[in-house]
């Protein structure tokens, strides 16, 4: 599993408000509807505070005067208030549902776009499950926060403030009794917010780890079954699931504690007010209607007060989700060109001038993967790159399309520095095929034509399939080129996937072609046919081919030997067999299992 670069565990001192304010650019386009929804919710919530006033009027008026008509009128008022409150809350929900779904969609789209633009080094370090959980679970938490806690923290705050004004207006002494819980509740909520934020972050990171295990197990199901590792995989899953369960239980305990405190303390205050109010009614200092209205108002404030813990918990989860989302959004994209360049020679081929490369996360002081590479591939020439395992061949080929950025020196395509070229233009000039072919959940034709321009069609597709000797098995598929290959192309054999990847590389007739051991998964007879067709393609392009076998080397005009990150010999196959012991040894195949590999 790739190591995920997470910041130190969320500090209790970090400001959730400051984190959540980063959502403003996404919320701004729908702010009018959210503001309207908040006003509607405030009006609906405050209607519940009118009910105690109606009750006071009924108790001190029609009920005391034994007026049935007045009682029925009061009941009608209460019914209308209840209906109005329900309609307003329903209208609020309608107001926010559509725009917030749009906010979530925009955030998810921006995240996906950013992931496409982040460098390969970023994806090498991050576990896929962590990225997946940020685009699904985390964004769902953000949407839920915008739909409910964001509004109701304001609504409940206004409702509590208005309610306390009414309480003090009805009887200031009893109102002061109900104000006593405010200070302890503020302290408890502050402590809860910090601790819950830390635990919420831990839980969301663990969800990402769990997602990674599930994804790896599904994608690697053939390995899991083939080696009988289902028990060890299940054990790993249970351990991570157990850790997540433990963290969720800690969250539940914290939430239960804050809910208990927020419920008990106000209830004690209401009980004390009830006793004092009853005494005042008995003494004639307070009317029964006023006491009923006072207690009804206090009870109407129970939910706004008790929900504070729940709303704070959701807000903390949304803050950690926002934090995790912007960890990806804040990552540096692939650097674009810093200046324009003019080709020095329109037909100079490919040049490596003093190229060196360190992986960004390599330990300090470690030797470079590539060190001072000087190499020239002439226009129209095919150069085979040969070296032992770990010598840096794949890394060198990845520098040409700028999948990695060279840390020293420069690479020129027809005299133009690739570091100064726009990536889109560079990648229309350079086509690649990797040793491990990747296919997408799409049709065969769609997978191959990904390597061609917008105007490519059936003729280009058939030509590419012919070059890769893939037309035979493709035509035997149930729907030919329209056949869906399935996730990762696992419905095809390794050789079939590799031939489709090769077809994708050549379909656009690229000016420069980079092939990383493109024939490794082919049988001897298919390899011979592909080589024969590939020779015709290589005559039309400038190519760099990573080779491990003499048959692949024979496709090239010249061979470069890469050893410990340096080019140690360049020449034809026969020249290097005579002049380089290492090359002769590599071509003999005797390095199988040798420690040097």
Protein backbone atom coordinates (compact mmCIF):
# COMPACT_ATOMS: atom_id res chain seq x y z
CA UNK A 1 0.00 0.00 0.00
CA UNK A 2 1.48 3.41 -0.90
CA UNK A 3 2.37 5.56 2.02
CA UNK A 4 -0.15 8.34 2.40
CA UNK A 5 1.34 11.75 3.21
CA UNK A 6 -0.96 12.98 5.95
CA UNK A 7 -0.30 16.00 8.12
CA UNK A 8 0.07 15.60 11.88
CA UNK A 9 -3.15 14.55 13.56
CA UNK A 10 -5.66 17.35 13.77
CA UNK A 11 -4.84 19.64 16.65
CA UNK A 12 -7.55 20.61 19.14
CA UNK A 13 -6.39 24.20 18.62
CA UNK A 14 -7.11 24.28 14.89
CA UNK A 15 -10.03 26.49 13.93
CA UNK A 16 -12.92 24.63 12.35
CA UNK A 17 -14.41 27.96 11.25
CA UNK A 18 -11.25 28.92 9.39
CA UNK A 19 -11.20 25.55 7.65
CA UNK A 20 -14.88 25.69 6.69
CA UNK A 21 -14.50 29.21 5.30
CA UNK A 22 -12.48 27.66 2.47
CA UNK A 23 -15.79 26.36 1.11
CA UNK A 24 -16.94 29.91 0.37
CA UNK A 25 -15.89 29.94 -3.33
CA UNK A 26 -18.17 26.93 -3.88
CA UNK A 27 -21.00 28.32 -1.75
CA UNK A 28 -20.90 31.85 -3.22
CA UNK A 29 -22.91 31.02 -6.39
CA UNK A 30 -25.79 29.61 -4.28
CA UNK A 31 -25.53 32.04 -1.36
CA UNK A 32 -28.86 33.72 -2.18
CA UNK A 33 -30.81 30.46 -1.88
CA UNK A 34 -28.94 29.44 1.26
CA UNK A 35 -29.60 32.83 2.84
CA UNK A 36 -33.28 32.62 1.88
CA UNK A 37 -33.46 29.11 3.31
CA UNK A 38 -31.92 30.34 6.57
CA UNK A 39 -34.47 33.18 6.85
CA UNK A 40 -37.32 30.75 6.16
CA UNK A 41 -35.98 28.36 8.80
CA UNK A 42 -35.62 31.17 11.36
CA UNK A 43 -39.22 32.26 10.76
CA UNK A 44 -40.41 28.64 11.04
CA UNK A 45 -38.44 28.06 14.23
CA UNK A 46 -39.63 31.30 15.81
CA UNK A 47 -43.25 30.32 15.09
CA UNK A 48 -42.81 27.64 17.73
CA UNK A 49 -42.17 30.45 20.23
CA UNK A 50 -45.56 31.98 19.40
CA UNK A 51 -47.34 28.82 20.60
CA UNK A 52 -46.59 29.54 24.31
CA UNK A 53 -48.08 33.03 23.89
CA UNK A 54 -51.27 31.50 22.47
CA UNK A 55 -51.34 29.08 25.40
CA UNK A 56 -50.96 31.96 27.87
CA UNK A 57 -53.88 33.75 26.21
CA UNK A 58 -56.00 30.58 26.33
CA UNK A 59 -55.24 29.82 30.00
CA UNK A 60 -55.66 33.37 31.29
CA UNK A 61 -58.61 34.06 28.95
CA UNK A 62 -61.06 31.46 27.54
CA UNK A 63 -60.12 28.65 29.96
CA UNK A 64 -60.31 30.88 33.06
CA UNK A 65 -63.51 32.48 31.74
CA UNK A 66 -64.90 29.05 30.70
CA UNK A 67 -65.36 30.22 27.12
CA UNK A 68 -65.54 27.14 24.78
CA UNK A 69 -65.56 29.33 21.68
CA UNK A 70 -62.31 30.97 22.72
CA UNK A 71 -60.76 27.56 23.42
CA UNK A 72 -61.68 26.34 19.93
CA UNK A 73 -60.32 29.55 18.43
CA UNK A 74 -57.06 29.07 20.31
CA UNK A 75 -56.87 25.48 19.10
CA UNK A 76 -57.32 26.70 15.54
CA UNK A 77 -54.46 29.19 16.00
CA UNK A 78 -52.23 26.38 17.29
CA UNK A 79 -53.13 24.18 14.31
CA UNK A 80 -52.40 26.94 11.82
CA UNK A 81 -49.08 27.70 13.51
CA UNK A 82 -48.10 24.01 13.32
CA UNK A 83 -49.05 23.78 9.63
CA UNK A 84 -47.18 26.99 8.81
CA UNK A 85 -44.06 25.72 10.62
CA UNK A 86 -44.14 22.40 8.74
CA UNK A 87 -44.66 24.10 5.35
CA UNK A 88 -41.79 26.53 5.95
CA UNK A 89 -39.37 23.79 6.98
CA UNK A 90 -40.35 21.78 3.90
CA UNK A 91 -39.81 24.85 1.72
CA UNK A 92 -36.36 25.33 3.30
CA UNK A 93 -35.41 21.77 2.40
CA UNK A 94 -36.53 22.31 -1.18
CA UNK A 95 -34.51 25.51 -1.40
CA UNK A 96 -31.21 23.89 -0.43
CA UNK A 97 -31.41 20.41 -1.97
CA UNK A 98 -30.75 21.25 -5.61
CA UNK A 99 -28.04 23.91 -5.20
CA UNK A 100 -26.12 21.85 -2.63
CA UNK A 101 -26.16 18.83 -4.92
CA UNK A 102 -24.59 21.19 -7.47
CA UNK A 103 -21.95 22.32 -4.95
CA UNK A 104 -21.02 18.71 -4.25
CA UNK A 105 -20.85 17.94 -7.98
CA UNK A 106 -18.58 20.94 -8.64
CA UNK A 107 -16.27 20.00 -5.78
CA UNK A 108 -16.08 16.41 -7.00
CA UNK A 109 -15.42 17.59 -10.55
CA UNK A 110 -12.66 19.94 -9.37
CA UNK A 111 -11.09 17.14 -7.33
CA UNK A 112 -11.10 14.78 -10.29
CA UNK A 113 -9.66 17.48 -12.55
CA UNK A 114 -6.93 18.20 -10.02
CA UNK A 115 -6.06 14.49 -9.71
CA UNK A 116 -5.58 14.36 -13.48
CA UNK A 117 -3.16 17.29 -13.33
CA UNK A 118 -1.10 16.20 -10.33
CA UNK A 119 2.31 14.67 -11.09
CA UNK A 120 2.97 10.95 -11.10
CA UNK A 121 5.10 11.40 -7.97
CA UNK A 122 1.96 12.47 -6.08
CA UNK A 123 0.05 9.36 -7.16
CA UNK A 124 3.03 7.17 -6.29
CA UNK A 125 2.84 8.37 -2.69
CA UNK A 126 -0.92 8.44 -2.12
CA UNK A 127 -3.05 5.37 -1.52
CA UNK A 128 -5.92 5.19 -4.01
CA UNK A 129 -8.43 4.51 -1.22
CA UNK A 130 -7.49 7.77 0.49
CA UNK A 131 -8.19 9.69 -2.72
CA UNK A 132 -11.42 7.77 -3.33
CA UNK A 133 -12.73 8.48 0.18
CA UNK A 134 -12.06 12.20 -0.30
CA UNK A 135 -14.16 12.21 -3.45
CA UNK A 136 -17.06 10.26 -1.91
CA UNK A 137 -17.46 10.11 1.89
CA UNK A 138 -15.80 13.45 2.61
CA UNK A 139 -17.82 15.37 0.04
CA UNK A 140 -21.02 13.77 1.32
CA UNK A 141 -20.17 15.08 4.82
CA UNK A 142 -19.54 18.55 3.40
CA UNK A 143 -22.91 18.55 1.61
CA UNK A 144 -24.70 17.39 4.77
CA UNK A 145 -23.04 20.20 6.72
CA UNK A 146 -24.13 22.82 4.21
CA UNK A 147 -27.66 21.42 4.16
CA UNK A 148 -28.23 21.12 7.91
CA UNK A 149 -25.67 22.25 10.54
CA UNK A 150 -24.65 25.42 8.67
CA UNK A 151 -28.25 26.62 8.65
CA UNK A 152 -29.35 25.34 12.02
CA UNK A 153 -26.39 26.61 14.01
CA UNK A 154 -27.65 30.06 12.95
CA UNK A 155 -31.35 29.18 13.23
CA UNK A 156 -31.00 27.61 16.66
CA UNK A 157 -28.82 30.47 17.87
CA UNK A 158 -31.43 33.03 16.83
CA UNK A 159 -34.23 30.89 18.27
CA UNK A 160 -32.46 30.53 21.64
CA UNK A 161 -31.76 34.27 21.78
CA UNK A 162 -35.38 35.14 20.92
CA UNK A 163 -36.63 32.54 23.38
CA UNK A 164 -34.58 33.93 26.24
CA UNK A 165 -35.85 37.44 25.47
CA UNK A 166 -39.40 36.10 25.79
CA UNK A 167 -38.54 34.26 29.00
CA UNK A 168 -37.08 37.39 30.59
CA UNK A 169 -40.06 39.42 29.40
CA UNK A 170 -42.51 36.98 30.98
CA UNK A 171 -40.67 36.81 34.30
CA UNK A 172 -37.13 38.06 34.71
CA UNK A 173 -36.40 36.08 37.89
CA UNK A 174 -37.34 32.76 36.33
CA UNK A 175 -35.52 33.77 33.15
CA UNK A 176 -32.30 34.28 35.13
CA UNK A 177 -32.67 30.76 36.53
CA UNK A 178 -32.69 29.37 33.00
CA UNK A 179 -29.62 31.45 32.09
CA UNK A 180 -27.44 29.73 34.69
CA UNK A 181 -26.53 26.73 32.45
CA UNK A 182 -25.08 28.98 29.72
CA UNK A 183 -21.53 29.29 31.08
CA UNK A 184 -20.97 25.58 31.88
CA UNK A 185 -22.48 24.58 28.52
CA UNK A 186 -20.15 26.92 26.62
CA UNK A 187 -17.11 25.44 28.42
CA UNK A 188 -18.23 21.85 27.81
CA UNK A 189 -18.97 22.51 24.12
CA UNK A 190 -15.56 24.10 23.63
CA UNK A 191 -13.78 21.08 25.11
CA UNK A 192 -15.96 18.69 23.12
CA UNK A 193 -15.33 20.46 19.83
CA UNK A 194 -11.55 20.10 20.06
CA UNK A 195 -11.53 16.45 21.14
CA UNK A 196 -14.20 15.41 18.65
CA UNK A 197 -12.30 17.05 15.77
CA UNK A 198 -9.21 14.91 16.47
CA UNK A 199 -11.23 11.68 16.62
CA UNK A 200 -13.27 12.58 13.52
CA UNK A 201 -10.06 13.11 11.52
CA UNK A 202 -8.72 9.76 12.67
CA UNK A 203 -11.94 8.01 11.65
CA UNK A 204 -11.98 9.56 8.18
CA UNK A 205 -8.35 8.59 7.58
CA UNK A 206 -9.17 5.04 8.66
CA UNK A 207 -12.07 4.96 6.20
CA UNK A 208 -9.53 5.80 3.48
CA UNK A 209 -7.25 2.96 4.62
CA UNK A 210 -10.16 0.53 4.65
CA UNK A 211 -11.23 1.64 1.17
CA UNK A 212 -7.70 1.00 -0.08
CA UNK A 213 -7.71 -2.57 1.25
CA UNK A 214 -11.08 -3.30 -0.36
CA UNK A 215 -10.00 -1.82 -3.69
CA UNK A 216 -6.69 -3.70 -3.73
CA UNK A 217 -8.41 -6.97 -2.83
CA UNK A 218 -10.94 -6.57 -5.66
CA UNK A 219 -8.36 -5.56 -8.27
CA UNK A 220 -5.98 -8.28 -7.11
CA UNK A 221 -8.62 -10.98 -6.67
CA UNK A 222 -6.73 -13.35 -8.99
CA UNK A 223 -3.61 -13.12 -6.84
CA UNK A 224 -5.63 -13.47 -3.64
CA UNK A 225 -7.37 -16.61 -4.91
CA UNK A 226 -4.36 -17.98 -6.78
CA UNK A 227 -2.15 -17.94 -3.68
CA UNK A 228 -4.93 -18.75 -1.23
CA UNK A 229 -4.45 -15.45 0.60
CA UNK A 230 -8.11 -14.79 1.30
CA UNK A 231 -7.65 -15.45 5.00
CA UNK A 232 -4.74 -13.02 5.37
CA UNK A 233 -6.61 -10.40 3.37
CA UNK A 234 -9.70 -10.94 5.50
CA UNK A 235 -7.54 -10.61 8.62
CA UNK A 236 -6.06 -7.32 7.38
CA UNK A 237 -9.57 -6.07 6.62
CA UNK A 238 -10.85 -7.12 10.06
CA UNK A 239 -7.97 -5.35 11.80
CA UNK A 240 -8.60 -2.08 9.96
CA UNK A 241 -12.36 -2.45 10.40
CA UNK A 242 -11.76 -3.07 14.11
CA UNK A 243 -9.66 0.08 14.39
CA UNK A 244 -12.38 2.08 12.63
CA UNK A 245 -15.03 0.53 14.89
CA UNK A 246 -13.01 1.54 17.96
CA UNK A 247 -12.66 5.10 16.69
CA UNK A 248 -16.37 5.31 15.89
CA UNK A 249 -17.15 4.10 19.40
CA UNK A 250 -14.94 6.85 20.82
CA UNK A 251 -16.92 9.32 18.71
CA UNK A 252 -20.17 7.82 19.98
CA UNK A 253 -19.00 8.10 23.61
CA UNK A 254 -18.00 11.73 23.17
CA UNK A 255 -21.31 12.51 21.50
CA UNK A 256 -23.22 10.65 24.23
CA UNK A 257 -21.38 12.60 26.94
CA UNK A 258 -22.01 16.00 25.39
CA UNK A 259 -25.65 15.10 24.70
CA UNK A 260 -26.11 13.97 28.29
CA UNK A 261 -24.60 17.18 29.68
CA UNK A 262 -26.56 19.41 27.29
CA UNK A 263 -29.77 17.56 28.18
CA UNK A 264 -29.36 17.24 31.96
CA UNK A 265 -28.13 20.74 32.81
CA UNK A 266 -31.03 22.63 31.11
CA UNK A 267 -33.52 20.08 32.51
CA UNK A 268 -32.29 20.84 36.03
CA UNK A 269 -32.70 24.55 35.35
CA UNK A 270 -36.25 24.00 33.99
CA UNK A 271 -37.09 21.92 37.07
CA UNK A 272 -35.83 24.68 39.37
CA UNK A 273 -37.85 27.28 37.41
CA UNK A 274 -40.95 25.09 37.65
CA UNK A 275 -40.65 24.87 41.45
CA UNK A 276 -40.06 28.62 41.83
CA UNK A 277 -42.86 29.44 39.38
CA UNK A 278 -45.33 27.18 41.18
CA UNK A 279 -44.51 28.92 44.45
CA UNK A 280 -45.07 32.33 42.82
CA UNK A 281 -48.44 31.22 41.38
CA UNK A 282 -49.46 29.92 44.81
CA UNK A 283 -48.47 33.27 46.34
CA UNK A 284 -50.42 35.14 43.65
CA UNK A 285 -47.28 36.82 42.27
CA UNK A 286 -47.59 35.05 38.90
CA UNK A 287 -50.58 34.05 36.77
CA UNK A 288 -51.08 30.42 35.80
CA UNK A 289 -51.10 31.40 32.13
CA UNK A 290 -47.74 33.12 32.47
CA UNK A 291 -46.24 30.03 34.13
CA UNK A 292 -47.66 27.80 31.38
CA UNK A 293 -46.28 30.13 28.70
CA UNK A 294 -42.91 30.30 30.47
CA UNK A 295 -42.58 26.53 30.73
CA UNK A 296 -43.85 26.04 27.18
CA UNK A 297 -41.22 28.48 25.90
CA UNK A 298 -38.51 26.71 27.91
CA UNK A 299 -39.60 23.34 26.53
CA UNK A 300 -39.67 24.79 22.98
CA UNK A 301 -36.02 25.72 23.47
CA UNK A 302 -35.04 22.19 24.48
CA UNK A 303 -34.39 20.95 20.94
CA UNK A 304 -32.37 24.01 19.83
CA UNK A 305 -30.22 23.63 22.95
CA UNK A 306 -29.92 19.84 22.90
CA UNK A 307 -29.05 19.77 19.20
CA UNK A 308 -25.95 21.92 19.75
CA UNK A 309 -23.78 18.87 20.47
CA UNK A 310 -25.07 17.03 17.41
CA UNK A 311 -24.58 20.09 15.19
CA UNK A 312 -21.07 20.69 16.53
CA UNK A 313 -20.18 17.04 15.86
CA UNK A 314 -21.39 17.29 12.26
CA UNK A 315 -19.54 20.58 11.85
CA UNK A 316 -16.29 19.02 13.09
CA UNK A 317 -16.69 16.09 10.71
CA UNK A 318 -17.33 18.53 7.87
CA UNK A 319 -14.26 20.56 8.89
CA UNK A 320 -12.01 17.49 8.81
CA UNK A 321 -13.58 16.43 5.49
CA UNK A 322 -12.89 19.91 4.10
CA UNK A 323 -9.34 19.72 5.43
CA UNK A 324 -8.79 16.38 3.70
CA UNK A 325 -10.32 17.67 0.45
CA UNK A 326 -8.03 20.68 0.31
CA UNK A 327 -4.97 18.57 1.09
CA UNK A 328 -5.37 17.25 -2.45
CA UNK A 329 -6.50 20.55 -3.95
CA UNK A 330 -3.48 22.33 -2.43
CA UNK A 331 -1.00 19.83 -3.87
CA UNK A 332 1.19 21.35 -6.57
CA UNK A 333 0.15 20.53 -10.10
CA UNK A 334 2.58 19.47 -12.79
CA UNK A 335 4.67 22.55 -13.60
CA UNK A 336 3.83 24.12 -16.92
CA UNK A 337 6.21 25.93 -19.24
CA UNK A 338 7.98 28.97 -17.83
CA UNK A 339 8.91 30.45 -21.18
CA UNK A 340 8.46 29.91 -24.87
CA UNK A 341 11.12 28.22 -26.95
CA UNK A 342 12.03 28.13 -30.59
CA UNK A 343 13.24 24.86 -32.11
CA UNK A 344 16.94 25.02 -32.90
CA UNK A 345 16.66 22.27 -35.48
CA UNK A 346 13.43 20.91 -36.90
CA UNK A 347 14.90 17.42 -37.41
CA UNK A 348 17.35 16.75 -34.61
CA UNK A 349 15.64 13.75 -33.01
CA UNK A 350 15.87 13.28 -29.25
CA UNK A 351 18.76 14.56 -27.13
CA UNK A 352 19.49 13.96 -23.46
CA UNK A 353 22.00 16.51 -22.20
CA UNK A 354 23.39 15.91 -18.70
CA UNK A 355 20.04 14.54 -17.50
CA UNK A 356 19.82 13.49 -13.86
CA UNK A 357 16.88 12.47 -11.70
CA UNK A 358 16.10 12.02 -8.00
CA UNK A 359 12.71 10.83 -6.80
CA UNK A 360 11.13 13.62 -4.69
CA UNK A 361 10.75 11.41 -1.62
CA UNK A 362 14.18 9.76 -1.87
CA UNK A 363 16.23 9.84 1.36
CA UNK A 364 18.61 12.76 1.61
CA UNK A 365 22.07 11.86 0.38
CA UNK A 366 20.90 8.87 -1.67
CA UNK A 367 22.48 8.49 -5.14
CA UNK A 368 20.44 9.73 -8.12
CA UNK A 369 18.46 7.23 -10.18
CA UNK A 370 19.90 8.82 -13.31
CA UNK A 371 23.18 10.71 -13.32
CA UNK A 372 24.51 12.78 -16.21
CA UNK A 373 22.73 11.03 -19.09
CA UNK A 374 24.06 12.17 -22.49
CA UNK A 375 22.37 10.50 -25.42
CA UNK A 376 21.32 11.35 -28.96
CA UNK A 377 18.63 9.49 -30.90
CA UNK A 378 18.88 10.59 -34.52
CA UNK A 379 15.77 11.54 -36.51
CA UNK A 380 13.97 8.41 -37.70
CA UNK A 381 16.25 6.18 -35.63
CA UNK A 382 15.17 3.49 -33.18
CA UNK A 383 17.37 3.23 -30.10
CA UNK A 384 17.11 0.23 -27.76
CA UNK A 385 17.76 0.90 -24.09
CA UNK A 386 19.24 -2.06 -22.28
CA UNK A 387 20.24 -2.48 -18.64
CA UNK A 388 19.85 -4.64 -15.59
CA UNK A 389 16.81 -4.38 -13.34
CA UNK A 390 16.97 -1.18 -11.31
CA UNK A 391 19.35 0.59 -13.68
CA UNK A 392 16.80 3.35 -14.41
CA UNK A 393 15.44 2.37 -17.84
CA UNK A 394 11.75 2.92 -17.07
CA UNK A 395 12.54 6.15 -15.23
CA UNK A 396 14.46 7.47 -18.26
CA UNK A 397 11.57 6.70 -20.62
CA UNK A 398 9.12 8.41 -18.23
CA UNK A 399 11.10 11.65 -18.50
CA UNK A 400 10.42 12.05 -22.23
CA UNK A 401 6.62 12.66 -21.92
CA UNK A 402 7.32 14.46 -18.59
CA UNK A 403 5.59 11.92 -16.41
CA UNK A 404 8.47 12.83 -14.11
CA UNK A 405 10.45 16.05 -14.29
CA UNK A 406 14.22 15.79 -14.77
CA UNK A 407 16.02 17.26 -11.75
CA UNK A 408 19.06 18.20 -13.80
CA UNK A 409 20.04 18.70 -17.43
CA UNK A 410 17.54 18.90 -20.25
CA UNK A 411 15.79 16.79 -22.91
CA UNK A 412 15.36 18.16 -26.43
CA UNK A 413 12.88 17.02 -29.06
CA UNK A 414 14.00 18.28 -32.45
CA UNK A 415 16.03 20.96 -30.67
CA UNK A 416 13.20 22.12 -28.39
CA UNK A 417 13.51 21.79 -24.63
CA UNK A 418 10.56 19.73 -23.41
CA UNK A 419 10.54 21.67 -20.12
CA UNK A 420 9.50 24.72 -22.13
CA UNK A 421 6.81 22.97 -24.14
CA UNK A 422 3.14 22.91 -23.24
CA UNK A 423 2.28 19.47 -21.92
CA UNK A 424 -0.66 19.05 -24.28
CA UNK A 425 1.57 19.69 -27.28
CA UNK A 426 4.37 17.50 -25.92
CA UNK A 427 2.03 14.57 -25.44
CA UNK A 428 0.66 14.87 -28.96
CA UNK A 429 4.24 14.50 -30.21
CA UNK A 430 5.24 11.64 -27.92
CA UNK A 431 3.32 8.38 -27.60
CA UNK A 432 4.06 5.76 -24.96
CA UNK A 433 3.37 2.08 -24.25
CA UNK A 434 4.23 0.75 -20.81
CA UNK A 435 5.35 -2.73 -19.79
CA UNK A 436 2.28 -3.05 -17.56
CA UNK A 437 -0.63 -2.22 -19.92
CA UNK A 438 -3.58 -0.35 -18.45
CA UNK A 439 -7.00 -0.61 -20.06
CA UNK A 440 -10.15 1.21 -19.04
CA UNK A 441 -13.75 0.07 -18.58
CA UNK A 442 -14.63 0.93 -22.17
CA UNK A 443 -14.76 -0.74 -25.56
CA UNK A 444 -11.70 -2.08 -27.34
CA UNK A 445 -12.00 0.68 -29.93
CA UNK A 446 -12.29 3.43 -27.33
CA UNK A 447 -9.23 2.13 -25.49
CA UNK A 448 -7.10 2.09 -28.63
CA UNK A 449 -8.30 5.44 -30.01
CA UNK A 450 -7.32 7.17 -26.76
CA UNK A 451 -3.88 7.43 -28.38
CA UNK A 452 -5.15 9.21 -31.50
CA UNK A 453 -6.36 12.69 -32.33
CA UNK A 454 -9.98 13.81 -32.36
CA UNK A 455 -10.49 12.97 -36.03
CA UNK A 456 -9.32 9.34 -35.86
CA UNK A 457 -11.80 6.65 -36.85
CA UNK A 458 -12.17 3.11 -38.09
CA UNK A 459 -9.29 3.16 -40.66
CA UNK A 460 -6.76 4.31 -38.05
CA UNK A 461 -8.13 1.79 -35.55
CA UNK A 462 -7.84 -1.14 -37.97
CA UNK A 463 -4.31 -0.14 -38.97
CA UNK A 464 -3.17 0.07 -35.33
CA UNK A 465 -4.75 -3.28 -34.48
CA UNK A 466 -2.97 -4.80 -37.48
CA UNK A 467 0.42 -3.43 -36.41
CA UNK A 468 -0.07 -4.87 -32.92
CA UNK A 469 -1.34 -8.18 -34.39
CA UNK A 470 -4.49 -7.64 -32.33
CA UNK A 471 -7.03 -7.63 -35.16
CA UNK A 472 -7.39 -11.41 -35.12
CA UNK A 473 -8.45 -11.84 -31.51
CA UNK A 474 -10.44 -8.58 -31.53
CA UNK A 475 -12.53 -9.77 -34.46
CA UNK A 476 -13.31 -12.94 -32.52
CA UNK A 477 -14.67 -11.00 -29.54
CA UNK A 478 -18.50 -11.01 -29.20
CA UNK A 479 -18.92 -7.45 -30.50
CA UNK A 480 -15.56 -6.91 -32.17
CA UNK A 481 -14.06 -3.49 -31.47
CA UNK A 482 -17.25 -2.51 -29.60
CA UNK A 483 -16.69 -5.22 -26.96
CA UNK A 484 -16.38 -3.86 -23.44
CA UNK A 485 -13.10 -5.07 -21.94
CA UNK A 486 -14.12 -4.60 -18.30
CA UNK A 487 -12.23 -3.03 -15.41
CA UNK A 488 -8.43 -3.07 -15.97
CA UNK A 489 -9.05 -5.25 -19.04
CA UNK A 490 -8.92 -8.33 -16.82
CA UNK A 491 -11.28 -10.18 -19.17
CA UNK A 492 -8.34 -10.35 -21.63
CA UNK A 493 -5.06 -12.21 -21.39
CA UNK A 494 -1.83 -10.41 -20.56
CA UNK A 495 -0.63 -10.67 -24.16
CA UNK A 496 -3.94 -9.34 -25.50
CA UNK A 497 -3.81 -6.36 -23.15
CA UNK A 498 -0.24 -5.64 -24.16
CA UNK A 499 -1.11 -5.73 -27.87
CA UNK A 500 -3.99 -3.30 -27.35
CA UNK A 501 -1.65 -0.99 -25.41
CA UNK A 502 0.82 -1.16 -28.31
CA UNK A 503 -1.98 -0.40 -30.77
CA UNK A 504 -2.91 2.63 -28.67
CA UNK A 505 0.68 3.85 -28.82
CA UNK A 506 0.96 3.66 -32.62
CA UNK A 507 -2.58 4.61 -33.69
CA UNK A 508 -1.81 8.33 -33.83
CA UNK A 509 1.35 7.93 -35.98
CA UNK A 510 3.42 9.72 -33.32
CA UNK A 511 6.51 11.71 -34.19
CA UNK A 512 8.31 10.21 -31.18
CA UNK A 513 7.57 6.78 -29.76
CA UNK A 514 8.58 5.47 -26.33
CA UNK A 515 8.06 1.74 -25.73
CA UNK A 516 8.84 0.11 -22.38
CA UNK A 517 9.45 -3.58 -23.15
CA UNK A 518 6.30 -3.71 -25.31
CA UNK A 519 6.51 -7.42 -26.24
CA UNK A 520 7.28 -9.03 -22.88
CA UNK A 521 3.89 -10.79 -22.54
CA UNK A 522 3.74 -12.20 -26.09
CA UNK A 523 4.40 -15.77 -27.16
CA UNK A 524 7.24 -16.44 -29.61
CA UNK A 525 5.07 -16.68 -32.73
CA UNK A 526 2.99 -13.57 -31.96
CA UNK A 527 6.15 -11.68 -31.03
CA UNK A 528 7.67 -12.42 -34.43
CA UNK A 529 4.56 -11.18 -36.26
CA UNK A 530 4.34 -8.01 -34.11
CA UNK A 531 8.03 -7.29 -34.67
CA UNK A 532 7.61 -7.57 -38.42
CA UNK A 533 4.69 -5.11 -38.41
CA UNK A 534 6.38 -2.83 -35.86
CA UNK A 535 9.44 -2.42 -38.06
CA UNK A 536 7.27 -0.63 -40.60
CA UNK A 537 5.98 1.77 -37.93
CA UNK A 538 9.45 2.44 -36.53
CA UNK A 539 10.67 3.58 -39.96
CA UNK A 540 8.24 6.51 -39.73
CA UNK A 541 9.17 7.72 -36.25
CA UNK A 542 11.97 8.38 -33.80
CA UNK A 543 11.77 5.72 -31.11
CA UNK A 544 13.22 4.78 -27.74
CA UNK A 545 12.56 1.13 -26.87
CA UNK A 546 13.35 -0.53 -23.54
CA UNK A 547 14.51 -4.06 -24.38
CA UNK A 548 15.31 -7.14 -22.33
CA UNK A 549 15.57 -9.72 -25.09
CA UNK A 550 17.74 -9.95 -28.22
CA UNK A 551 14.64 -10.21 -30.40
CA UNK A 552 13.46 -6.76 -29.23
CA UNK A 553 16.96 -5.30 -29.55
CA UNK A 554 17.03 -6.39 -33.17
CA UNK A 555 14.25 -3.86 -33.89
CA UNK A 556 16.68 -1.02 -33.11
CA UNK A 557 19.30 0.70 -35.22
CA UNK A 558 21.54 1.25 -32.19
CA UNK A 559 21.66 0.17 -28.56
CA UNK A 560 22.47 2.18 -25.40
CA UNK A 561 23.61 0.34 -22.27
CA UNK A 562 22.39 1.90 -19.01
CA UNK A 563 24.28 0.86 -15.89
CA UNK A 564 23.75 2.30 -12.40
CA UNK A 565 22.07 5.40 -13.79
CA UNK A 566 24.71 6.15 -16.45
CA UNK A 567 25.06 5.44 -20.16
CA UNK A 568 28.18 3.27 -20.34
CA UNK A 569 28.11 2.18 -23.98
CA UNK A 570 26.37 3.04 -27.26
CA UNK A 571 26.58 1.12 -30.52
CA UNK A 572 24.98 -1.54 -32.64
CA UNK A 573 23.98 -4.86 -31.17
CA UNK A 574 27.01 -6.63 -32.70
CA UNK A 575 29.40 -3.87 -31.60
CA UNK A 576 28.28 -4.05 -27.99
CA UNK A 577 28.41 -7.84 -27.96
CA UNK A 578 32.09 -7.56 -28.86
CA UNK A 579 33.02 -4.53 -26.70
CA UNK A 580 30.87 -4.80 -23.54
CA UNK A 581 30.98 -7.80 -21.20
CA UNK A 582 27.96 -6.50 -19.28
CA UNK A 583 25.89 -6.19 -22.45
CA UNK A 584 26.89 -9.66 -23.64
CA UNK A 585 26.00 -11.03 -20.22
CA UNK A 586 22.57 -9.32 -20.26
CA UNK A 587 21.80 -10.60 -23.74
CA UNK A 588 22.83 -14.15 -22.79
CA UNK A 589 19.98 -14.31 -20.26
CA UNK A 590 22.29 -15.53 -17.51
CA UNK A 591 21.27 -12.70 -15.19
CA UNK A 592 18.11 -14.57 -14.20
CA UNK A 593 17.95 -14.54 -10.43
CA UNK A 594 21.34 -12.87 -10.13
CA UNK A 595 21.74 -10.41 -7.32
CA UNK A 596 22.81 -7.73 -9.79
CA UNK A 597 19.25 -7.58 -11.11
